[in-house]
N, C-alpha and C. Protein backbone atom coordinates (compact mmCIF):
# COMPACT_ATOMS: atom_id res chain seq x y z
N UNK A 1 67.21 262.20 -6.81
CA UNK A 1 66.25 260.99 -7.16
C UNK A 1 67.01 259.67 -6.74
N UNK A 2 66.79 258.62 -6.66
CA UNK A 2 67.20 257.11 -6.18
C UNK A 2 67.03 256.39 -6.82
N UNK A 3 68.12 255.68 -7.30
CA UNK A 3 68.29 254.26 -8.02
C UNK A 3 67.35 253.44 -7.89
N UNK A 4 66.46 252.85 -8.84
CA UNK A 4 65.86 251.45 -8.67
C UNK A 4 66.50 250.80 -7.98
N UNK A 5 65.72 249.98 -6.70
CA UNK A 5 66.26 248.54 -6.21
C UNK A 5 66.44 247.46 -7.02
N UNK A 6 65.91 247.22 -7.78
CA UNK A 6 65.82 246.12 -8.51
C UNK A 6 66.53 246.56 -9.85
N UNK A 7 67.62 245.49 -10.30
CA UNK A 7 68.17 245.70 -11.63
C UNK A 7 66.73 245.63 -12.71
N UNK A 8 66.72 246.90 -13.78
CA UNK A 8 65.90 246.67 -14.80
C UNK A 8 65.90 245.58 -15.26
N UNK A 9 64.56 245.06 -15.91
CA UNK A 9 63.68 243.86 -16.32
C UNK A 9 64.52 243.95 -17.80
N UNK A 10 64.58 243.13 -18.36
CA UNK A 10 64.90 242.67 -20.15
C UNK A 10 64.06 243.76 -20.52
N UNK A 11 64.72 244.76 -22.00
CA UNK A 11 63.58 245.86 -22.33
C UNK A 11 63.32 247.11 -22.14
N UNK A 12 63.88 247.29 -20.50
CA UNK A 12 63.46 248.61 -19.81
C UNK A 12 64.99 249.55 -19.86
N UNK A 13 65.82 248.70 -20.38
CA UNK A 13 66.90 249.80 -20.18
C UNK A 13 66.85 251.14 -20.71
N UNK A 14 67.76 252.00 -20.98
CA UNK A 14 67.67 252.90 -21.27
C UNK A 14 67.18 253.34 -22.95
N UNK A 15 67.68 252.26 -23.41
CA UNK A 15 67.62 252.44 -25.16
C UNK A 15 67.12 250.88 -25.40
N UNK A 16 66.24 251.23 -26.09
CA UNK A 16 65.36 249.43 -26.27
C UNK A 16 65.17 249.61 -28.11
N UNK A 17 65.26 248.41 -28.35
CA UNK A 17 64.50 248.23 -29.73
C UNK A 17 62.69 247.53 -29.81
N UNK A 18 62.32 248.11 -30.30
CA UNK A 18 60.97 247.78 -30.53
C UNK A 18 60.84 246.64 -31.77
N UNK A 19 61.22 246.60 -32.51
CA UNK A 19 61.54 245.87 -34.08
C UNK A 19 63.23 245.84 -33.98
N UNK A 20 63.28 245.61 -35.59
CA UNK A 20 64.66 245.22 -35.62
C UNK A 20 65.09 246.63 -36.45
N UNK A 21 63.87 247.72 -37.00
CA UNK A 21 64.59 248.78 -37.24
C UNK A 21 63.79 249.81 -36.58
N UNK A 22 63.28 249.48 -35.51
CA UNK A 22 63.12 251.39 -34.20
C UNK A 22 63.62 250.82 -33.03
N UNK A 23 64.52 252.22 -32.51
CA UNK A 23 65.04 252.50 -31.80
C UNK A 23 64.44 253.58 -30.52
N UNK A 24 64.12 252.83 -29.36
CA UNK A 24 63.99 253.97 -28.50
C UNK A 24 64.47 254.41 -27.41
N UNK A 25 65.11 255.59 -27.55
CA UNK A 25 65.96 256.22 -25.94
C UNK A 25 64.58 256.78 -25.32
N UNK A 26 65.01 256.36 -24.19
CA UNK A 26 63.92 256.27 -22.76
C UNK A 26 65.07 257.67 -22.00
N UNK A 27 64.54 259.16 -21.98
CA UNK A 27 65.35 260.62 -21.26
C UNK A 27 64.35 260.74 -20.37
N UNK A 28 65.34 260.41 -19.24
CA UNK A 28 64.30 260.47 -17.68
C UNK A 28 64.22 261.92 -17.84
N UNK A 29 63.52 262.43 -16.76
CA UNK A 29 62.98 264.28 -16.32
C UNK A 29 64.17 264.66 -15.87
N UNK A 30 64.41 265.86 -16.27
CA UNK A 30 65.67 266.44 -15.52
C UNK A 30 64.59 267.95 -14.98
N UNK A 31 65.62 268.49 -13.77
CA UNK A 31 64.96 269.04 -12.84
C UNK A 31 65.39 270.59 -13.62
N UNK A 32 64.43 271.58 -13.08
CA UNK A 32 64.20 272.98 -13.71
C UNK A 32 64.86 273.80 -12.36
N UNK A 33 66.01 274.25 -12.61
CA UNK A 33 66.02 275.33 -11.13
C UNK A 33 66.20 274.06 -9.92
N UNK A 34 66.52 275.11 -8.83
CA UNK A 34 66.93 273.99 -7.93
C UNK A 34 65.43 273.52 -7.12
N UNK A 35 65.60 272.93 -6.50
CA UNK A 35 64.32 272.06 -6.40
C UNK A 35 64.36 272.04 -4.54
N UNK A 36 63.36 272.69 -3.91
CA UNK A 36 63.33 272.87 -2.86
C UNK A 36 63.53 271.93 -1.64
N UNK A 37 63.64 272.18 -0.66
CA UNK A 37 64.16 271.12 0.52
C UNK A 37 62.62 271.62 1.34
N UNK A 38 62.60 270.21 1.90
CA UNK A 38 61.16 270.21 3.15
C UNK A 38 61.79 270.80 4.21
N UNK A 39 61.20 271.84 4.97
CA UNK A 39 61.11 272.23 6.22
C UNK A 39 60.92 271.48 7.35
N UNK A 40 61.79 270.90 8.56
CA UNK A 40 61.73 270.01 9.27
C UNK A 40 60.37 270.62 10.29
N UNK A 41 58.99 269.60 10.41
CA UNK A 41 58.24 270.40 10.95
C UNK A 41 58.39 271.14 12.38
N UNK A 42 57.75 271.84 12.52
CA UNK A 42 57.89 272.75 13.92
C UNK A 42 57.53 271.99 14.90
N UNK A 43 56.18 271.19 15.09
CA UNK A 43 56.07 270.02 16.31
C UNK A 43 56.91 269.01 16.51
N UNK A 44 57.98 268.70 15.55
CA UNK A 44 58.57 267.53 15.53
C UNK A 44 60.08 267.97 16.11
N UNK A 45 60.07 269.49 15.97
CA UNK A 45 61.70 269.62 16.03
C UNK A 45 61.38 270.32 17.56
N UNK A 46 60.58 271.13 17.80
CA UNK A 46 60.04 271.30 19.53
C UNK A 46 59.97 270.12 20.36
N UNK A 47 59.76 268.86 19.99
CA UNK A 47 59.71 267.33 20.80
C UNK A 47 60.69 266.77 21.10
N UNK A 48 61.70 267.48 19.99
CA UNK A 48 62.73 266.81 19.88
C UNK A 48 62.81 265.60 19.45
N UNK A 49 61.99 265.60 18.35
CA UNK A 49 61.92 264.36 17.35
C UNK A 49 63.10 263.15 16.92
N UNK A 50 64.10 264.30 17.28
CA UNK A 50 65.40 263.65 16.05
C UNK A 50 65.32 263.50 14.60
N UNK A 51 66.39 262.63 14.13
CA UNK A 51 66.73 262.32 12.70
C UNK A 51 65.27 261.68 12.63
N UNK A 52 64.81 261.56 11.10
CA UNK A 52 63.98 260.70 10.39
C UNK A 52 64.44 260.92 9.03
N UNK A 53 64.15 259.60 8.78
CA UNK A 53 64.22 259.42 7.22
C UNK A 53 62.84 259.18 6.06
N UNK A 54 62.70 260.07 5.50
CA UNK A 54 61.59 259.65 4.74
C UNK A 54 61.91 259.15 3.22
N UNK A 55 61.19 258.19 2.58
CA UNK A 55 61.30 257.91 1.26
C UNK A 55 59.89 258.06 0.87
N UNK A 56 60.08 258.53 -0.71
CA UNK A 56 58.64 259.10 -1.36
C UNK A 56 58.96 258.90 -2.70
N UNK A 57 57.57 258.16 -3.09
CA UNK A 57 57.34 258.13 -4.41
C UNK A 57 56.57 259.43 -5.46
N UNK A 58 57.52 259.88 -6.14
CA UNK A 58 56.73 261.05 -6.48
C UNK A 58 56.46 260.72 -8.32
N UNK A 59 55.26 261.35 -8.78
CA UNK A 59 54.99 261.07 -10.13
C UNK A 59 55.44 262.18 -10.71
N UNK A 60 56.05 262.32 -11.61
CA UNK A 60 56.25 263.80 -12.27
C UNK A 60 55.67 263.48 -14.21
N UNK A 61 54.39 264.08 -14.04
CA UNK A 61 53.49 264.28 -14.82
C UNK A 61 54.32 264.43 -16.43
N UNK A 62 53.60 264.49 -17.47
CA UNK A 62 54.12 264.87 -18.90
C UNK A 62 54.29 266.21 -19.46
N UNK A 63 53.83 267.23 -18.49
CA UNK A 63 54.11 268.38 -18.40
C UNK A 63 55.44 268.72 -17.53
N UNK A 64 55.83 267.77 -16.78
CA UNK A 64 56.85 268.16 -15.89
C UNK A 64 56.52 268.54 -14.22
N UNK A 65 55.47 268.54 -14.00
CA UNK A 65 55.00 268.91 -12.58
C UNK A 65 54.42 267.42 -11.72
N UNK A 66 54.86 267.58 -10.76
CA UNK A 66 54.66 266.41 -9.63
C UNK A 66 53.32 266.67 -9.66
N UNK A 67 52.67 265.48 -9.62
CA UNK A 67 51.09 265.32 -9.78
C UNK A 67 50.87 264.25 -8.30
N UNK A 68 51.88 263.70 -7.72
CA UNK A 68 51.50 262.89 -6.35
C UNK A 68 52.93 262.53 -5.61
N UNK A 69 52.50 262.69 -4.29
CA UNK A 69 53.53 262.29 -3.70
C UNK A 69 52.96 261.49 -2.45
N UNK A 70 53.73 260.12 -2.45
CA UNK A 70 53.09 258.83 -1.45
C UNK A 70 54.25 258.23 -0.50
N UNK A 71 54.10 257.89 0.26
CA UNK A 71 55.48 256.86 0.81
C UNK A 71 55.71 256.09 -0.45
N UNK A 72 56.98 255.63 -0.09
CA UNK A 72 57.82 254.85 -1.12
C UNK A 72 57.23 253.58 -0.47
N UNK A 73 57.25 252.60 -1.35
CA UNK A 73 56.54 251.09 -0.99
C UNK A 73 57.81 250.34 -1.53
N UNK A 74 58.94 250.95 -2.20
CA UNK A 74 59.79 250.41 -2.34
C UNK A 74 60.90 250.26 -1.43
N UNK A 75 61.02 250.92 -0.61
CA UNK A 75 61.92 251.24 0.44
C UNK A 75 61.36 251.85 2.14
N UNK A 76 61.73 251.13 3.27
CA UNK A 76 61.03 251.21 4.26
C UNK A 76 61.22 252.45 5.03
N UNK A 77 59.98 252.97 5.00
CA UNK A 77 59.77 254.56 6.03
C UNK A 77 59.69 253.88 7.45
N UNK A 78 60.22 253.99 8.61
CA UNK A 78 60.17 253.77 9.93
C UNK A 78 59.03 254.95 10.51
N UNK A 79 57.77 254.36 11.06
CA UNK A 79 56.78 255.26 11.23
C UNK A 79 57.55 256.23 12.79
N UNK A 80 56.46 256.96 12.87
CA UNK A 80 57.08 257.41 14.22
C UNK A 80 55.57 258.26 14.59
N UNK A 81 55.61 259.07 15.91
CA UNK A 81 54.56 259.91 15.94
C UNK A 81 54.58 261.31 14.98
N UNK A 82 55.41 261.61 14.50
CA UNK A 82 55.53 262.69 13.34
C UNK A 82 55.39 262.49 11.94
N UNK A 83 55.20 261.48 11.83
CA UNK A 83 55.31 260.94 10.26
C UNK A 83 54.33 261.45 9.45
N UNK A 84 53.16 261.78 9.76
CA UNK A 84 52.20 262.65 8.73
C UNK A 84 52.97 264.22 8.92
N UNK A 85 53.64 264.64 9.74
CA UNK A 85 54.11 265.87 9.33
C UNK A 85 55.00 265.96 8.72
N UNK A 86 56.16 264.81 8.68
CA UNK A 86 57.16 264.75 7.75
C UNK A 86 56.61 264.49 6.38
N UNK A 87 55.59 263.53 6.20
CA UNK A 87 55.47 263.08 5.07
C UNK A 87 54.78 264.66 4.19
N UNK A 88 54.06 265.42 5.14
CA UNK A 88 53.33 266.56 4.79
C UNK A 88 54.34 268.13 4.55
N UNK A 89 55.41 267.86 4.96
CA UNK A 89 56.65 268.93 5.03
C UNK A 89 57.14 268.24 3.38
N UNK A 90 57.51 266.91 2.65
CA UNK A 90 57.92 266.41 1.70
C UNK A 90 56.73 267.00 0.88
N UNK A 91 55.62 266.54 0.87
CA UNK A 91 54.73 267.13 -0.56
C UNK A 91 54.96 268.64 -0.43
N UNK A 92 54.83 269.24 0.42
CA UNK A 92 54.69 271.08 0.26
C UNK A 92 55.97 271.18 -0.43
N UNK A 93 57.40 270.66 0.04
CA UNK A 93 58.60 271.13 -0.94
C UNK A 93 58.35 269.96 -2.08
N UNK A 94 57.92 269.17 -2.46
CA UNK A 94 58.37 268.54 -3.61
C UNK A 94 56.93 269.15 -4.99
N UNK A 95 55.90 269.80 -4.19
CA UNK A 95 55.03 269.99 -5.14
C UNK A 95 55.80 271.39 -5.85
N UNK A 96 56.48 272.04 -5.39
CA UNK A 96 57.09 273.02 -5.97
C UNK A 96 58.08 272.63 -6.90
N UNK A 97 58.56 271.78 -7.01
CA UNK A 97 59.44 271.30 -7.86
C UNK A 97 59.01 271.02 -9.58
N UNK A 98 60.15 271.22 -10.36
CA UNK A 98 59.25 271.47 -12.14
C UNK A 98 60.60 270.76 -12.60
N UNK A 99 59.87 269.94 -13.78
CA UNK A 99 60.80 269.06 -14.69
C UNK A 99 60.28 269.44 -15.71
N UNK A 100 62.16 269.33 -17.04
CA UNK A 100 61.64 269.02 -17.95
C UNK A 100 61.26 267.62 -18.21
N UNK A 101 60.02 267.29 -18.72
CA UNK A 101 59.31 266.08 -18.64
C UNK A 101 60.46 264.99 -19.27
N UNK A 102 60.13 263.55 -18.94
CA UNK A 102 60.63 262.43 -19.10
C UNK A 102 60.22 262.43 -20.68
N UNK A 103 61.02 261.65 -21.32
CA UNK A 103 60.43 261.52 -22.98
C UNK A 103 60.98 259.99 -23.55
N UNK A 104 60.41 259.52 -24.62
CA UNK A 104 60.43 258.53 -25.32
C UNK A 104 61.19 259.45 -26.99
N UNK A 105 62.21 259.09 -27.09
CA UNK A 105 62.59 259.38 -29.05
C UNK A 105 62.38 258.18 -29.63
N UNK A 106 62.19 257.94 -30.63
CA UNK A 106 61.78 257.20 -31.63
C UNK A 106 62.83 257.15 -32.70
N UNK A 107 63.46 256.22 -33.05
CA UNK A 107 64.24 256.19 -34.17
C UNK A 107 64.27 254.85 -35.04
N UNK A 108 64.66 255.64 -36.18
CA UNK A 108 64.44 254.02 -37.06
C UNK A 108 65.88 253.95 -37.81
N UNK A 109 66.35 252.86 -37.76
CA UNK A 109 67.48 252.69 -38.06
C UNK A 109 67.42 252.31 -39.71
N UNK A 110 68.45 252.84 -40.37
CA UNK A 110 68.44 252.74 -41.82
C UNK A 110 69.24 251.85 -42.33
N UNK A 111 69.10 251.63 -43.47
CA UNK A 111 69.61 250.25 -44.09
C UNK A 111 71.26 250.08 -44.00
N UNK A 112 71.91 251.67 -43.86
CA UNK A 112 73.16 251.28 -43.80
C UNK A 112 73.61 251.41 -41.99
N UNK A 113 72.39 251.35 -41.32
CA UNK A 113 72.70 251.47 -39.64
C UNK A 113 72.49 252.62 -39.11
N UNK A 114 72.24 253.83 -39.42
CA UNK A 114 72.22 254.80 -39.02
C UNK A 114 70.89 255.12 -38.64
N UNK A 115 70.43 256.20 -37.89
CA UNK A 115 69.19 256.50 -37.39
C UNK A 115 68.76 257.57 -37.78
N UNK A 116 67.45 257.62 -37.83
CA UNK A 116 67.07 258.52 -38.45
C UNK A 116 65.65 259.11 -37.79
N UNK A 117 65.47 260.16 -37.19
CA UNK A 117 64.43 260.82 -35.96
C UNK A 117 63.00 260.49 -36.70
N UNK A 118 62.26 259.80 -35.60
CA UNK A 118 60.78 259.62 -36.12
C UNK A 118 60.02 260.22 -35.17
N UNK A 119 60.30 260.69 -33.69
CA UNK A 119 59.33 261.25 -33.09
C UNK A 119 59.61 261.40 -31.86
N UNK A 120 59.06 262.45 -30.75
CA UNK A 120 59.41 262.20 -29.53
C UNK A 120 58.15 262.25 -28.74
N UNK A 121 57.90 261.48 -27.84
CA UNK A 121 56.75 261.39 -26.61
C UNK A 121 57.13 261.72 -25.60
N UNK A 122 56.71 262.79 -24.45
CA UNK A 122 56.43 263.03 -23.55
C UNK A 122 55.83 262.15 -22.81
N UNK A 123 56.03 261.54 -21.24
CA UNK A 123 55.66 260.52 -20.63
C UNK A 123 55.45 261.14 -19.12
N UNK A 124 54.57 260.18 -18.42
CA UNK A 124 54.73 260.57 -17.21
C UNK A 124 55.59 259.55 -16.32
N UNK A 125 55.96 259.87 -15.31
CA UNK A 125 57.23 258.58 -14.59
C UNK A 125 56.93 259.05 -13.17
N UNK A 126 57.36 257.59 -12.65
CA UNK A 126 57.57 257.83 -11.19
C UNK A 126 58.86 257.06 -10.97
N UNK A 127 59.33 257.94 -9.60
CA UNK A 127 60.79 258.02 -8.98
C UNK A 127 60.57 258.06 -7.46
N UNK A 128 61.66 257.43 -6.79
CA UNK A 128 61.83 257.57 -5.44
C UNK A 128 62.39 258.62 -4.91
N UNK A 129 61.95 259.46 -3.96
CA UNK A 129 63.59 260.49 -3.63
C UNK A 129 63.53 260.34 -2.02
N UNK A 130 64.59 260.77 -1.53
CA UNK A 130 64.98 260.24 -0.25
C UNK A 130 65.60 261.73 0.58
N UNK A 131 64.69 261.74 1.74
CA UNK A 131 65.30 263.32 2.74
C UNK A 131 65.20 262.59 3.97
N UNK A 132 66.21 262.91 4.43
CA UNK A 132 66.97 262.80 6.06
C UNK A 132 66.56 264.22 6.82
N UNK A 133 65.82 264.21 7.76
CA UNK A 133 65.80 265.29 8.77
C UNK A 133 66.35 265.00 9.91
N UNK A 134 67.28 265.56 10.18
CA UNK A 134 68.31 266.24 11.01
C UNK A 134 67.82 266.26 12.44
N UNK A 135 68.33 265.99 13.59
CA UNK A 135 67.82 266.46 14.90
C UNK A 135 67.95 267.61 14.86
N UNK A 136 68.89 268.35 14.17
CA UNK A 136 69.18 269.67 14.54
C UNK A 136 68.61 270.83 13.61
N UNK A 137 67.42 270.34 12.63
CA UNK A 137 66.35 270.86 12.22
C UNK A 137 67.09 271.19 10.79
N UNK A 138 67.82 270.69 9.96
CA UNK A 138 68.70 270.72 8.93
C UNK A 138 67.72 269.44 8.00
N UNK A 139 67.94 269.65 6.51
CA UNK A 139 67.51 268.54 5.97
C UNK A 139 68.50 268.33 4.55
N UNK A 140 68.58 267.17 4.36
CA UNK A 140 69.31 266.47 3.03
C UNK A 140 68.66 265.89 2.74
């Protein structure tokens, strides 16, 4: 996963306070098992398309499944005649990924500043990923 391009806005850091006595921990999704890498598209490899970098934005739902894969609007994807094939390869691989879903954990501050657990909410999140398809056919 790639870090955000812009620094977080006020109130969007990993731990936030909703009120003077409620604290929220934002826990990002974590991968379950190994994350499959996409295959270099055969037609592009046969045509010696060379190196290609693909930035994609993925949506991970509250069940830990990838529900959407789209070209990133935050990072530059340089188009080529095989752009669709490279994106399809990314979609095929990323569609198999599984995650422990992102969560918001709510705590209440007690009178002596200890934290008392209140609840946990699983949430859907979006994040950018980068794939580098190398002319040799390797993908990292």
